[in-house]
PDB file of N, CA and C in Angstrom:
ATOM      1  N   MET A   1     -24.292 -13.266  67.301  1.00  0.00           N
ATOM      2  CA  MET A   1     -24.686 -11.880  66.981  1.00  0.00           C
ATOM      3  C   MET A   1     -23.195 -11.256  67.459  1.00  0.00           C
ATOM      4  N   GLU A   2     -23.274 -10.070  66.989  1.00  0.00           N
ATOM      5  CA  GLU A   2     -22.326  -9.147  67.044  1.00  0.00           C
ATOM      6  C   GLU A   2     -22.208  -8.737  68.438  1.00  0.00           C
ATOM      7  N   ARG A   3     -21.103  -7.793  68.958  1.00  0.00           N
ATOM      8  CA  ARG A   3     -20.719  -7.593  70.407  1.00  0.00           C
ATOM      9  C   ARG A   3     -20.298  -6.349  70.365  1.00  0.00           C
ATOM     10  N   ARG A   4     -20.581  -5.529  69.298  1.00  0.00           N
ATOM     11  CA  ARG A   4     -20.420  -3.628  69.543  1.00  0.00           C
ATOM     12  C   ARG A   4     -21.263  -3.478  70.692  1.00  0.00           C
ATOM     13  N   LEU A   5     -20.843  -2.248  71.471  1.00  0.00           N
ATOM     14  CA  LEU A   5     -21.747  -1.809  72.091  1.00  0.00           C
ATOM     15  C   LEU A   5     -22.737  -0.837  71.268  1.00  0.00           C
ATOM     16  N   LEU A   6     -23.854  -1.103  72.075  1.00  0.00           N
ATOM     17  CA  LEU A   6     -24.609  -0.002  71.723  1.00  0.00           C
ATOM     18  C   LEU A   6     -24.739   1.417  71.993  1.00  0.00           C
ATOM     19  N   GLU A   7     -25.149   2.337  71.171  1.00  0.00           N
ATOM     20  CA  GLU A   7     -24.696   3.895  71.465  1.00  0.00           C
ATOM     21  C   GLU A   7     -26.016   3.712  72.245  1.00  0.00           C
ATOM     22  N   ALA A   8     -25.666   5.163  73.058  1.00  0.00           N
ATOM     23  CA  ALA A   8     -27.017   5.274  74.125  1.00  0.00           C
ATOM     24  C   ALA A   8     -28.449   5.361  73.438  1.00  0.00           C
ATOM     25  N   GLY A   9     -28.254   6.133  71.995  1.00  0.00           N
ATOM     26  CA  GLY A   9     -29.656   6.432  71.054  1.00  0.00           C
ATOM     27  C   GLY A   9     -30.320   4.866  70.884  1.00  0.00           C
ATOM     28  N   GLN A  10     -29.274   3.894  70.540  1.00  0.00           N
ATOM     29  CA  GLN A  10     -29.844   2.613  70.302  1.00  0.00           C
ATOM     30  C   GLN A  10     -30.344   1.723  71.517  1.00  0.00           C
ATOM     31  N   ILE A  11     -29.644   2.077  72.473  1.00  0.00           N
ATOM     32  CA  ILE A  11     -29.807   1.436  73.844  1.00  0.00           C
ATOM     33  C   ILE A  11     -31.887   1.784  73.987  1.00  0.00           C
ATOM     34  N   GLN A  12     -31.822   3.248  74.193  1.00  0.00           N
ATOM     35  CA  GLN A  12     -33.230   3.659  74.356  1.00  0.00           C
ATOM     36  C   GLN A  12     -34.103   3.322  73.477  1.00  0.00           C
ATOM     37  N   ALA A  13     -33.834   3.013  72.079  1.00  0.00           N
ATOM     38  CA  ALA A  13     -34.587   2.920  71.014  1.00  0.00           C
ATOM     39  C   ALA A  13     -34.795   0.920  71.290  1.00  0.00           C
ATOM     40  N   ALA A  14     -33.919   0.541  71.884  1.00  0.00           N
ATOM     41  CA  ALA A  14     -34.319  -1.129  72.010  1.00  0.00           C
ATOM     42  C   ALA A  14     -35.410  -1.157  73.574  1.00  0.00           C
ATOM     43  N   LEU A  15     -35.077  -0.344  74.354  1.00  0.00           N
ATOM     44  CA  LEU A  15     -35.539  -0.310  75.717  1.00  0.00           C
ATOM     45  C   LEU A  15     -37.389  -0.066  75.544  1.00  0.00           C
ATOM     46  N   ALA A  16     -37.489   0.821  74.351  1.00  0.00           N
ATOM     47  CA  ALA A  16     -39.033   1.290  73.638  1.00  0.00           C
ATOM     48  C   ALA A  16     -39.384  -0.328  73.639  1.00  0.00           C
ATOM     49  N   GLY A  17     -38.892  -1.278  72.636  1.00  0.00           N
ATOM     50  CA  GLY A  17     -39.598  -2.431  72.800  1.00  0.00           C
ATOM     51  C   GLY A  17     -39.234  -3.718  73.660  1.00  0.00           C
ATOM     52  N   LEU A  18     -38.780  -3.157  74.991  1.00  0.00           N
ATOM     53  CA  LEU A  18     -38.750  -3.949  76.034  1.00  0.00           C
ATOM     54  C   LEU A  18     -39.542  -3.593  77.380  1.00  0.00           C
ATOM     55  N   PRO A  19     -40.699  -4.115  77.489  1.00  0.00           N
ATOM     56  CA  PRO A  19     -41.207  -3.470  78.564  1.00  0.00           C
ATOM     57  C   PRO A  19     -41.070  -3.998  79.897  1.00  0.00           C
ATOM     58  N   GLY A  20     -40.784  -3.321  80.636  1.00  0.00           N
ATOM     59  CA  GLY A  20     -40.246  -2.885  82.297  1.00  0.00           C
ATOM     60  C   GLY A  20     -38.678  -3.106  82.267  1.00  0.00           C
ATOM     61  N   TRP A  21     -38.075  -3.450  81.067  1.00  0.00           N
ATOM     62  CA  TRP A  21     -36.591  -3.225  81.257  1.00  0.00           C
ATOM     63  C   TRP A  21     -36.379  -1.729  81.288  1.00  0.00           C
ATOM     64  N   GLN A  22     -35.287  -1.364  82.167  1.00  0.00           N
ATOM     65  CA  GLN A  22     -34.603  -0.328  82.171  1.00  0.00           C
ATOM     66  C   GLN A  22     -33.167  -0.113  82.351  1.00  0.00           C
ATOM     67  N   LEU A  23     -32.669   1.029  81.435  1.00  0.00           N
ATOM     68  CA  LEU A  23     -31.054   0.935  81.869  1.00  0.00           C
ATOM     69  C   LEU A  23     -30.580   1.492  82.957  1.00  0.00           C
ATOM     70  N   HIS A  24     -29.437   0.528  83.566  1.00  0.00           N
ATOM     71  CA  HIS A  24     -29.455   0.917  85.273  1.00  0.00           C
ATOM     72  C   HIS A  24     -27.912   0.783  85.524  1.00  0.00           C
ATOM     73  N   ASN A  25     -27.161   1.450  85.959  1.00  0.00           N
ATOM     74  CA  ASN A  25     -25.560   1.601  86.061  1.00  0.00           C
ATOM     75  C   ASN A  25     -24.912   0.902  84.585  1.00  0.00           C
ATOM     76  N   GLY A  26     -25.488   1.269  83.398  1.00  0.00           N
ATOM     77  CA  GLY A  26     -24.909   0.720  82.300  1.00  0.00           C
ATOM     78  C   GLY A  26     -25.255  -0.559  81.900  1.00  0.00           C
ATOM     79  N   ARG A  27     -26.223  -1.246  82.643  1.00  0.00           N
ATOM     80  CA  ARG A  27     -26.822  -2.333  82.156  1.00  0.00           C
ATOM     81  C   ARG A  27     -28.538  -2.365  81.922  1.00  0.00           C
ATOM     82  N   LEU A  28     -28.650  -3.557  81.239  1.00  0.00           N
ATOM     83  CA  LEU A  28     -30.272  -3.464  81.028  1.00  0.00           C
ATOM     84  C   LEU A  28     -30.483  -4.234  82.311  1.00  0.00           C
ATOM     85  N   ARG A  29     -31.855  -3.597  82.898  1.00  0.00           N
ATOM     86  CA  ARG A  29     -32.432  -4.333  84.245  1.00  0.00           C
ATOM     87  C   ARG A  29     -33.814  -4.376  84.466  1.00  0.00           C
ATOM     88  N   ARG A  30     -34.008  -5.353  84.818  1.00  0.00           N
ATOM     89  CA  ARG A  30     -35.591  -5.511  84.985  1.00  0.00           C
ATOM     90  C   ARG A  30     -35.865  -6.599  86.291  1.00  0.00           C
ATOM     91  N   GLU A  31     -36.794  -5.837  87.234  1.00  0.00           N
ATOM     92  CA  GLU A  31     -37.248  -7.368  88.207  1.00  0.00           C
ATOM     93  C   GLU A  31     -38.684  -7.717  88.195  1.00  0.00           C
ATOM     94  N   PHE A  32     -38.812  -8.780  88.275  1.00  0.00           N
ATOM     95  CA  PHE A  32     -39.888  -9.712  88.069  1.00  0.00           C
ATOM     96  C   PHE A  32     -40.478 -10.281  89.278  1.00  0.00           C
ATOM     97  N   ARG A  33     -41.954 -10.206  89.295  1.00  0.00           N
ATOM     98  CA  ARG A  33     -42.631 -10.560  91.018  1.00  0.00           C
ATOM     99  C   ARG A  33     -43.453 -11.631  90.126  1.00  0.00           C
ATOM    100  N   PHE A  34     -43.498 -12.634  91.017  1.00  0.00           N
ATOM    101  CA  PHE A  34     -44.417 -13.953  91.010  1.00  0.00           C
ATOM    102  C   PHE A  34     -45.020 -14.240  91.997  1.00  0.00           C
ATOM    103  N   ALA A  35     -46.201 -15.078  91.596  1.00  0.00           N
ATOM    104  CA  ALA A  35     -46.899 -15.644  92.886  1.00  0.00           C
ATOM    105  C   ALA A  35     -46.386 -16.335  94.119  1.00  0.00           C
ATOM    106  N   ASP A  36     -45.301 -16.992  93.901  1.00  0.00           N
ATOM    107  CA  ASP A  36     -44.531 -17.194  95.118  1.00  0.00           C
ATOM    108  C   ASP A  36     -43.122 -17.674  94.680  1.00  0.00           C
ATOM    109  N   PHE A  37     -42.614 -17.955  95.757  1.00  0.00           N
ATOM    110  CA  PHE A  37     -40.830 -19.079  95.101  1.00  0.00           C
ATOM    111  C   PHE A  37     -40.832 -19.809  94.278  1.00  0.00           C
ATOM    112  N   SER A  38     -41.783 -20.776  94.122  1.00  0.00           N
ATOM    113  CA  SER A  38     -41.971 -22.035  93.410  1.00  0.00           C
ATOM    114  C   SER A  38     -41.683 -21.487  92.164  1.00  0.00           C
ATOM    115  N   ALA A  39     -42.727 -20.465  91.612  1.00  0.00           N
ATOM    116  CA  ALA A  39     -43.117 -19.733  90.465  1.00  0.00           C
ATOM    117  C   ALA A  39     -41.646 -19.070  90.089  1.00  0.00           C
ATOM    118  N   ALA A  40     -41.122 -18.345  90.964  1.00  0.00           N
ATOM    119  CA  ALA A  40     -39.809 -17.275  90.764  1.00  0.00           C
ATOM    120  C   ALA A  40     -38.779 -18.476  90.447  1.00  0.00           C
ATOM    121  N   PHE A  41     -38.897 -19.459  90.878  1.00  0.00           N
ATOM    122  CA  PHE A  41     -37.565 -20.391  90.745  1.00  0.00           C
ATOM    123  C   PHE A  41     -37.809 -21.147  89.459  1.00  0.00           C
ATOM    124  N   ALA A  42     -38.996 -21.764  89.095  1.00  0.00           N
ATOM    125  CA  ALA A  42     -38.991 -22.397  87.704  1.00  0.00           C
ATOM    126  C   ALA A  42     -38.801 -21.149  86.638  1.00  0.00           C
ATOM    127  N   PHE A  43     -39.200 -20.267  86.591  1.00  0.00           N
ATOM    128  CA  PHE A  43     -39.007 -18.700  85.788  1.00  0.00           C
ATOM    129  C   PHE A  43     -37.338 -19.023  85.584  1.00  0.00           C
ATOM    130  N   MET A  44     -36.796 -18.631  86.694  1.00  0.00           N
ATOM    131  CA  MET A  44     -35.150 -18.767  86.824  1.00  0.00           C
ATOM    132  C   MET A  44     -34.897 -19.848  85.791  1.00  0.00           C
ATOM    133  N   THR A  45     -35.184 -20.980  86.317  1.00  0.00           N
ATOM    134  CA  THR A  45     -34.810 -22.347  85.398  1.00  0.00           C
ATOM    135  C   THR A  45     -35.061 -22.139  84.009  1.00  0.00           C
ATOM    136  N   ARG A  46     -35.913 -21.675  83.310  1.00  0.00           N
ATOM    137  CA  ARG A  46     -36.267 -21.192  81.919  1.00  0.00           C
ATOM    138  C   ARG A  46     -35.384 -20.340  81.645  1.00  0.00           C
ATOM    139  N   VAL A  47     -34.831 -19.593  82.294  1.00  0.00           N
ATOM    140  CA  VAL A  47     -34.046 -18.369  81.732  1.00  0.00           C
ATOM    141  C   VAL A  47     -32.646 -19.219  81.840  1.00  0.00           C
ATOM    142  N   ALA A  48     -32.331 -19.963  82.631  1.00  0.00           N
ATOM    143  CA  ALA A  48     -31.219 -20.758  82.702  1.00  0.00           C
ATOM    144  C   ALA A  48     -30.930 -21.376  81.621  1.00  0.00           C
ATOM    145  N   LEU A  49     -32.020 -21.658  81.138  1.00  0.00           N
ATOM    146  CA  LEU A  49     -31.765 -22.692  80.452  1.00  0.00           C
ATOM    147  C   LEU A  49     -31.795 -22.091  78.748  1.00  0.00           C
ATOM    148  N   LEU A  50     -32.548 -20.921  78.642  1.00  0.00           N
ATOM    149  CA  LEU A  50     -32.297 -19.892  77.644  1.00  0.00           C
ATOM    150  C   LEU A  50     -30.906 -19.706  77.400  1.00  0.00           C
ATOM    151  N   ALA A  51     -30.136 -18.958  78.253  1.00  0.00           N
ATOM    152  CA  ALA A  51     -28.992 -18.535  78.764  1.00  0.00           C
ATOM    153  C   ALA A  51     -27.883 -19.726  78.219  1.00  0.00           C
ATOM    154  N   GLU A  52     -28.233 -20.844  78.291  1.00  0.00           N
ATOM    155  CA  GLU A  52     -27.238 -22.020  78.099  1.00  0.00           C
ATOM    156  C   GLU A  52     -27.389 -22.134  76.447  1.00  0.00           C
ATOM    157  N   ARG A  53     -28.557 -22.056  76.036  1.00  0.00           N
ATOM    158  CA  ARG A  53     -28.958 -22.048  74.324  1.00  0.00           C
ATOM    159  C   ARG A  53     -27.928 -20.982  73.519  1.00  0.00           C
ATOM    160  N   MET A  54     -28.254 -19.354  74.358  1.00  0.00           N
ATOM    161  CA  MET A  54     -27.529 -18.385  73.761  1.00  0.00           C
ATOM    162  C   MET A  54     -26.249 -18.209  74.206  1.00  0.00           C
ATOM    163  N   ASN A  55     -25.512 -19.001  75.295  1.00  0.00           N
ATOM    164  CA  ASN A  55     -24.285 -18.799  75.547  1.00  0.00           C
ATOM    165  C   ASN A  55     -23.883 -17.293  76.089  1.00  0.00           C
ATOM    166  N   HIS A  56     -25.142 -16.941  76.796  1.00  0.00           N
ATOM    167  CA  HIS A  56     -25.101 -15.460  77.273  1.00  0.00           C
ATOM    168  C   HIS A  56     -26.095 -15.484  78.912  1.00  0.00           C
ATOM    169  N   HIS A  57     -24.996 -15.337  79.549  1.00  0.00           N
ATOM    170  CA  HIS A  57     -25.524 -15.478  80.788  1.00  0.00           C
ATOM    171  C   HIS A  57     -25.617 -14.119  81.765  1.00  0.00           C
ATOM    172  N   PRO A  58     -27.048 -14.268  82.409  1.00  0.00           N
ATOM    173  CA  PRO A  58     -27.033 -12.786  82.917  1.00  0.00           C
ATOM    174  C   PRO A  58     -26.512 -12.723  84.626  1.00  0.00           C
ATOM    175  N   ASP A  59     -26.629 -11.816  85.022  1.00  0.00           N
ATOM    176  CA  ASP A  59     -26.652 -11.636  86.379  1.00  0.00           C
ATOM    177  C   ASP A  59     -27.777 -11.424  86.832  1.00  0.00           C
ATOM    178  N   TRP A  60     -27.960 -12.127  87.891  1.00  0.00           N
ATOM    179  CA  TRP A  60     -29.310 -12.288  88.469  1.00  0.00           C
ATOM    180  C   TRP A  60     -29.310 -12.019  90.108  1.00  0.00           C
ATOM    181  N   SER A  61     -30.596 -11.885  90.768  1.00  0.00           N
ATOM    182  CA  SER A  61     -30.735 -12.251  92.168  1.00  0.00           C
ATOM    183  C   SER A  61     -32.134 -13.082  92.362  1.00  0.00           C
ATOM    184  N   ASN A  62     -32.512 -13.412  93.588  1.00  0.00           N
ATOM    185  CA  ASN A  62     -33.486 -13.938  93.548  1.00  0.00           C
ATOM    186  C   ASN A  62     -33.699 -13.565  95.031  1.00  0.00           C
ATOM    187  N   SER A  63     -35.158 -13.156  95.643  1.00  0.00           N
ATOM    188  CA  SER A  63     -35.686 -13.221  97.093  1.00  0.00           C
ATOM    189  C   SER A  63     -36.982 -13.561  96.892  1.00  0.00           C
ATOM    190  N   TYR A  64     -37.232 -14.649  97.551  1.00  0.00           N
ATOM    191  CA  TYR A  64     -38.655 -15.324  97.705  1.00  0.00           C
ATOM    192  C   TYR A  64     -39.423 -15.328  96.485  1.00  0.00           C
ATOM    193  N   LYS A  65     -40.176 -14.440  96.083  1.00  0.00           N
ATOM    194  CA  LYS A  65     -40.819 -14.193  95.156  1.00  0.00           C
ATOM    195  C   LYS A  65     -40.478 -13.109  93.698  1.00  0.00           C
ATOM    196  N   ARG A  66     -39.287 -12.780  94.198  1.00  0.00           N
ATOM    197  CA  ARG A  66     -38.897 -11.479  93.396  1.00  0.00           C
ATOM    198  C   ARG A  66     -37.540 -11.637  92.387  1.00  0.00           C
ATOM    199  N   VAL A  67     -37.499 -11.707  91.205  1.00  0.00           N
ATOM    200  CA  VAL A  67     -36.342 -12.155  90.624  1.00  0.00           C
ATOM    201  C   VAL A  67     -35.813 -10.851  89.748  1.00  0.00           C
ATOM    202  N   THR A  68     -34.787 -10.229  89.858  1.00  0.00           N
ATOM    203  CA  THR A  68     -33.759  -9.517  89.602  1.00  0.00           C
ATOM    204  C   THR A  68     -32.786  -9.603  88.696  1.00  0.00           C
ATOM    205  N   ILE A  69     -32.910  -8.955  87.034  1.00  0.00           N
ATOM    206  CA  ILE A  69     -32.268  -9.579  86.205  1.00  0.00           C
ATOM    207  C   ILE A  69     -31.475  -8.302  85.688  1.00  0.00           C
ATOM    208  N   GLU A  70     -29.973  -8.453  85.647  1.00  0.00           N
ATOM    209  CA  GLU A  70     -29.029  -7.662  84.431  1.00  0.00           C
ATOM    210  C   GLU A  70     -28.462  -8.221  83.718  1.00  0.00           C
ATOM    211  N   LEU A  71     -28.418  -7.493  82.482  1.00  0.00           N
ATOM    212  CA  LEU A  71     -27.709  -7.784  81.030  1.00  0.00           C
ATOM    213  C   LEU A  71     -26.844  -6.873  80.930  1.00  0.00           C
ATOM    214  N   HIS A  72     -25.391  -7.610  80.467  1.00  0.00           N
ATOM    215  CA  HIS A  72     -24.742  -6.596  79.757  1.00  0.00           C
ATOM    216  C   HIS A  72     -23.578  -7.719  79.018  1.00  0.00           C
ATOM    217  N   THR A  73     -22.656  -7.599  78.204  1.00  0.00           N
ATOM    218  CA  THR A  73     -21.849  -8.214  77.440  1.00  0.00           C
ATOM    219  C   THR A  73     -20.732  -7.940  78.161  1.00  0.00           C
ATOM    220  N   HIS A  74     -20.402  -8.903  79.096  1.00  0.00           N
ATOM    221  CA  HIS A  74     -18.967  -8.897  79.669  1.00  0.00           C
ATOM    222  C   HIS A  74     -17.363  -8.270  79.212  1.00  0.00           C
ATOM    223  N   ASP A  75     -17.502  -8.963  78.253  1.00  0.00           N
ATOM    224  CA  ASP A  75     -16.194  -9.185  77.159  1.00  0.00           C
ATOM    225  C   ASP A  75     -16.260  -7.737  76.250  1.00  0.00           C
ATOM    226  N   ALA A  76     -17.499  -7.089  76.181  1.00  0.00           N
ATOM    227  CA  ALA A  76     -17.702  -5.616  75.177  1.00  0.00           C
ATOM    228  C   ALA A  76     -17.575  -4.617  76.376  1.00  0.00           C
ATOM    229  N   GLY A  77     -17.907  -5.074  77.565  1.00  0.00           N
ATOM    230  CA  GLY A  77     -17.730  -4.262  78.400  1.00  0.00           C
ATOM    231  C   GLY A  77     -19.170  -2.816  78.712  1.00  0.00           C
ATOM    232  N   GLY A  78     -20.470  -3.625  78.187  1.00  0.00           N
ATOM    233  CA  GLY A  78     -21.527  -2.770  78.214  1.00  0.00           C
ATOM    234  C   GLY A  78     -22.553  -3.477  77.655  1.00  0.00           C
ATOM    235  N   VAL A  79     -23.570  -2.708  77.255  1.00  0.00           N
ATOM    236  CA  VAL A  79     -25.010  -3.316  76.355  1.00  0.00           C
ATOM    237  C   VAL A  79     -24.735  -3.631  74.995  1.00  0.00           C
ATOM    238  N   THR A  80     -25.153  -4.545  74.555  1.00  0.00           N
ATOM    239  CA  THR A  80     -24.783  -5.036  72.785  1.00  0.00           C
ATOM    240  C   THR A  80     -26.472  -5.194  72.512  1.00  0.00           C
ATOM    241  N   ALA A  81     -26.255  -5.243  71.181  1.00  0.00           N
ATOM    242  CA  ALA A  81     -27.717  -6.288  70.810  1.00  0.00           C
ATOM    243  C   ALA A  81     -28.038  -7.338  71.209  1.00  0.00           C
ATOM    244  N   ARG A  82     -27.136  -8.001  71.725  1.00  0.00           N
ATOM    245  CA  ARG A  82     -26.967  -9.425  72.590  1.00  0.00           C
ATOM    246  C   ARG A  82     -27.698  -9.204  73.811  1.00  0.00           C
ATOM    247  N   ASP A  83     -27.808  -8.292  74.320  1.00  0.00           N
ATOM    248  CA  ASP A  83     -28.435  -8.089  75.627  1.00  0.00           C
ATOM    249  C   ASP A  83     -29.991  -7.650  75.261  1.00  0.00           C
ATOM    250  N   ALA A  84     -29.931  -7.046  74.116  1.00  0.00           N
ATOM    251  CA  ALA A  84     -31.385  -6.493  74.107  1.00  0.00           C
ATOM    252  C   ALA A  84     -31.843  -7.945  73.672  1.00  0.00           C
ATOM    253  N   GLU A  85     -31.734  -8.800  72.812  1.00  0.00           N
ATOM    254  CA  GLU A  85     -32.016  -9.793  72.112  1.00  0.00           C
ATOM    255  C   GLU A  85     -32.651 -11.050  73.845  1.00  0.00           C
ATOM    256  N   MET A  86     -31.697 -10.846  74.672  1.00  0.00           N
ATOM    257  CA  MET A  86     -31.933 -11.711  75.735  1.00  0.00           C
ATOM    258  C   MET A  86     -32.790 -11.307  76.384  1.00  0.00           C
ATOM    259  N   ALA A  87     -32.862 -10.008  76.935  1.00  0.00           N
ATOM    260  CA  ALA A  87     -34.015  -9.151  77.421  1.00  0.00           C
ATOM    261  C   ALA A  87     -35.273  -9.509  76.754  1.00  0.00           C
ATOM    262  N   ARG A  88     -35.467  -9.493  75.199  1.00  0.00           N
ATOM    263  CA  ARG A  88     -36.882  -9.717  74.680  1.00  0.00           C
ATOM    264  C   ARG A  88     -37.058 -11.553  75.226  1.00  0.00           C
ATOM    265  N   ARG A  89     -36.025 -11.939  74.507  1.00  0.00           N
ATOM    266  CA  ARG A  89     -36.568 -13.498  75.078  1.00  0.00           C
ATOM    267  C   ARG A  89     -37.056 -13.656  76.526  1.00  0.00           C
ATOM    268  N   ILE A  90     -36.260 -13.320  77.364  1.00  0.00           N
ATOM    269  CA  ILE A  90     -36.569 -13.298  78.752  1.00  0.00           C
ATOM    270  C   ILE A  90     -37.737 -12.697  79.200  1.00  0.00           C
ATOM    271  N   GLY A  91     -38.519 -11.509  78.816  1.00  0.00           N
ATOM    272  CA  GLY A  91     -40.167 -11.068  78.456  1.00  0.00           C
ATOM    273  C   GLY A  91     -41.081 -11.947  78.109  1.00  0.00           C
ATOM    274  N   GLU A  92     -40.607 -12.895  76.949  1.00  0.00           N
ATOM    275  CA  GLU A  92     -41.250 -13.877  76.586  1.00  0.00           C
ATOM    276  C   GLU A  92     -41.249 -14.886  77.497  1.00  0.00           C
ATOM    277  N   LEU A  93     -40.658 -15.254  78.379  1.00  0.00           N
ATOM    278  CA  LEU A  93     -40.817 -16.489  79.036  1.00  0.00           C
ATOM    279  C   LEU A  93     -41.370 -16.060  80.650  1.00  0.00           C
ATOM    280  N   ALA A  94     -41.818 -14.756  80.612  1.00  0.00           N
ATOM    281  CA  ALA A  94     -42.467 -14.215  81.890  1.00  0.00           C
ATOM    282  C   ALA A  94     -43.817 -14.233  81.727  1.00  0.00           C
TER     283      ALA A  94
END
């Protein structure tokens, strides 16, 4: 998938199809909440396997039952179609 930066309008169009995701400090960001730590950790494991398959790794944090994920393409310096696709797939895993 191409690593060209998306323009502001393209990012907004992508976000329209990505429930719960928002643009935050130049990155796609979403916070997920789960029933407990085990459920949050299981989700993170599924995302980690996806990230390996896509060779595209998120910035994320976990605090008890909350997982926050931020996506941007490091070598492109911002949000690309790759990030939007990763966000879509992560949403399917949740």
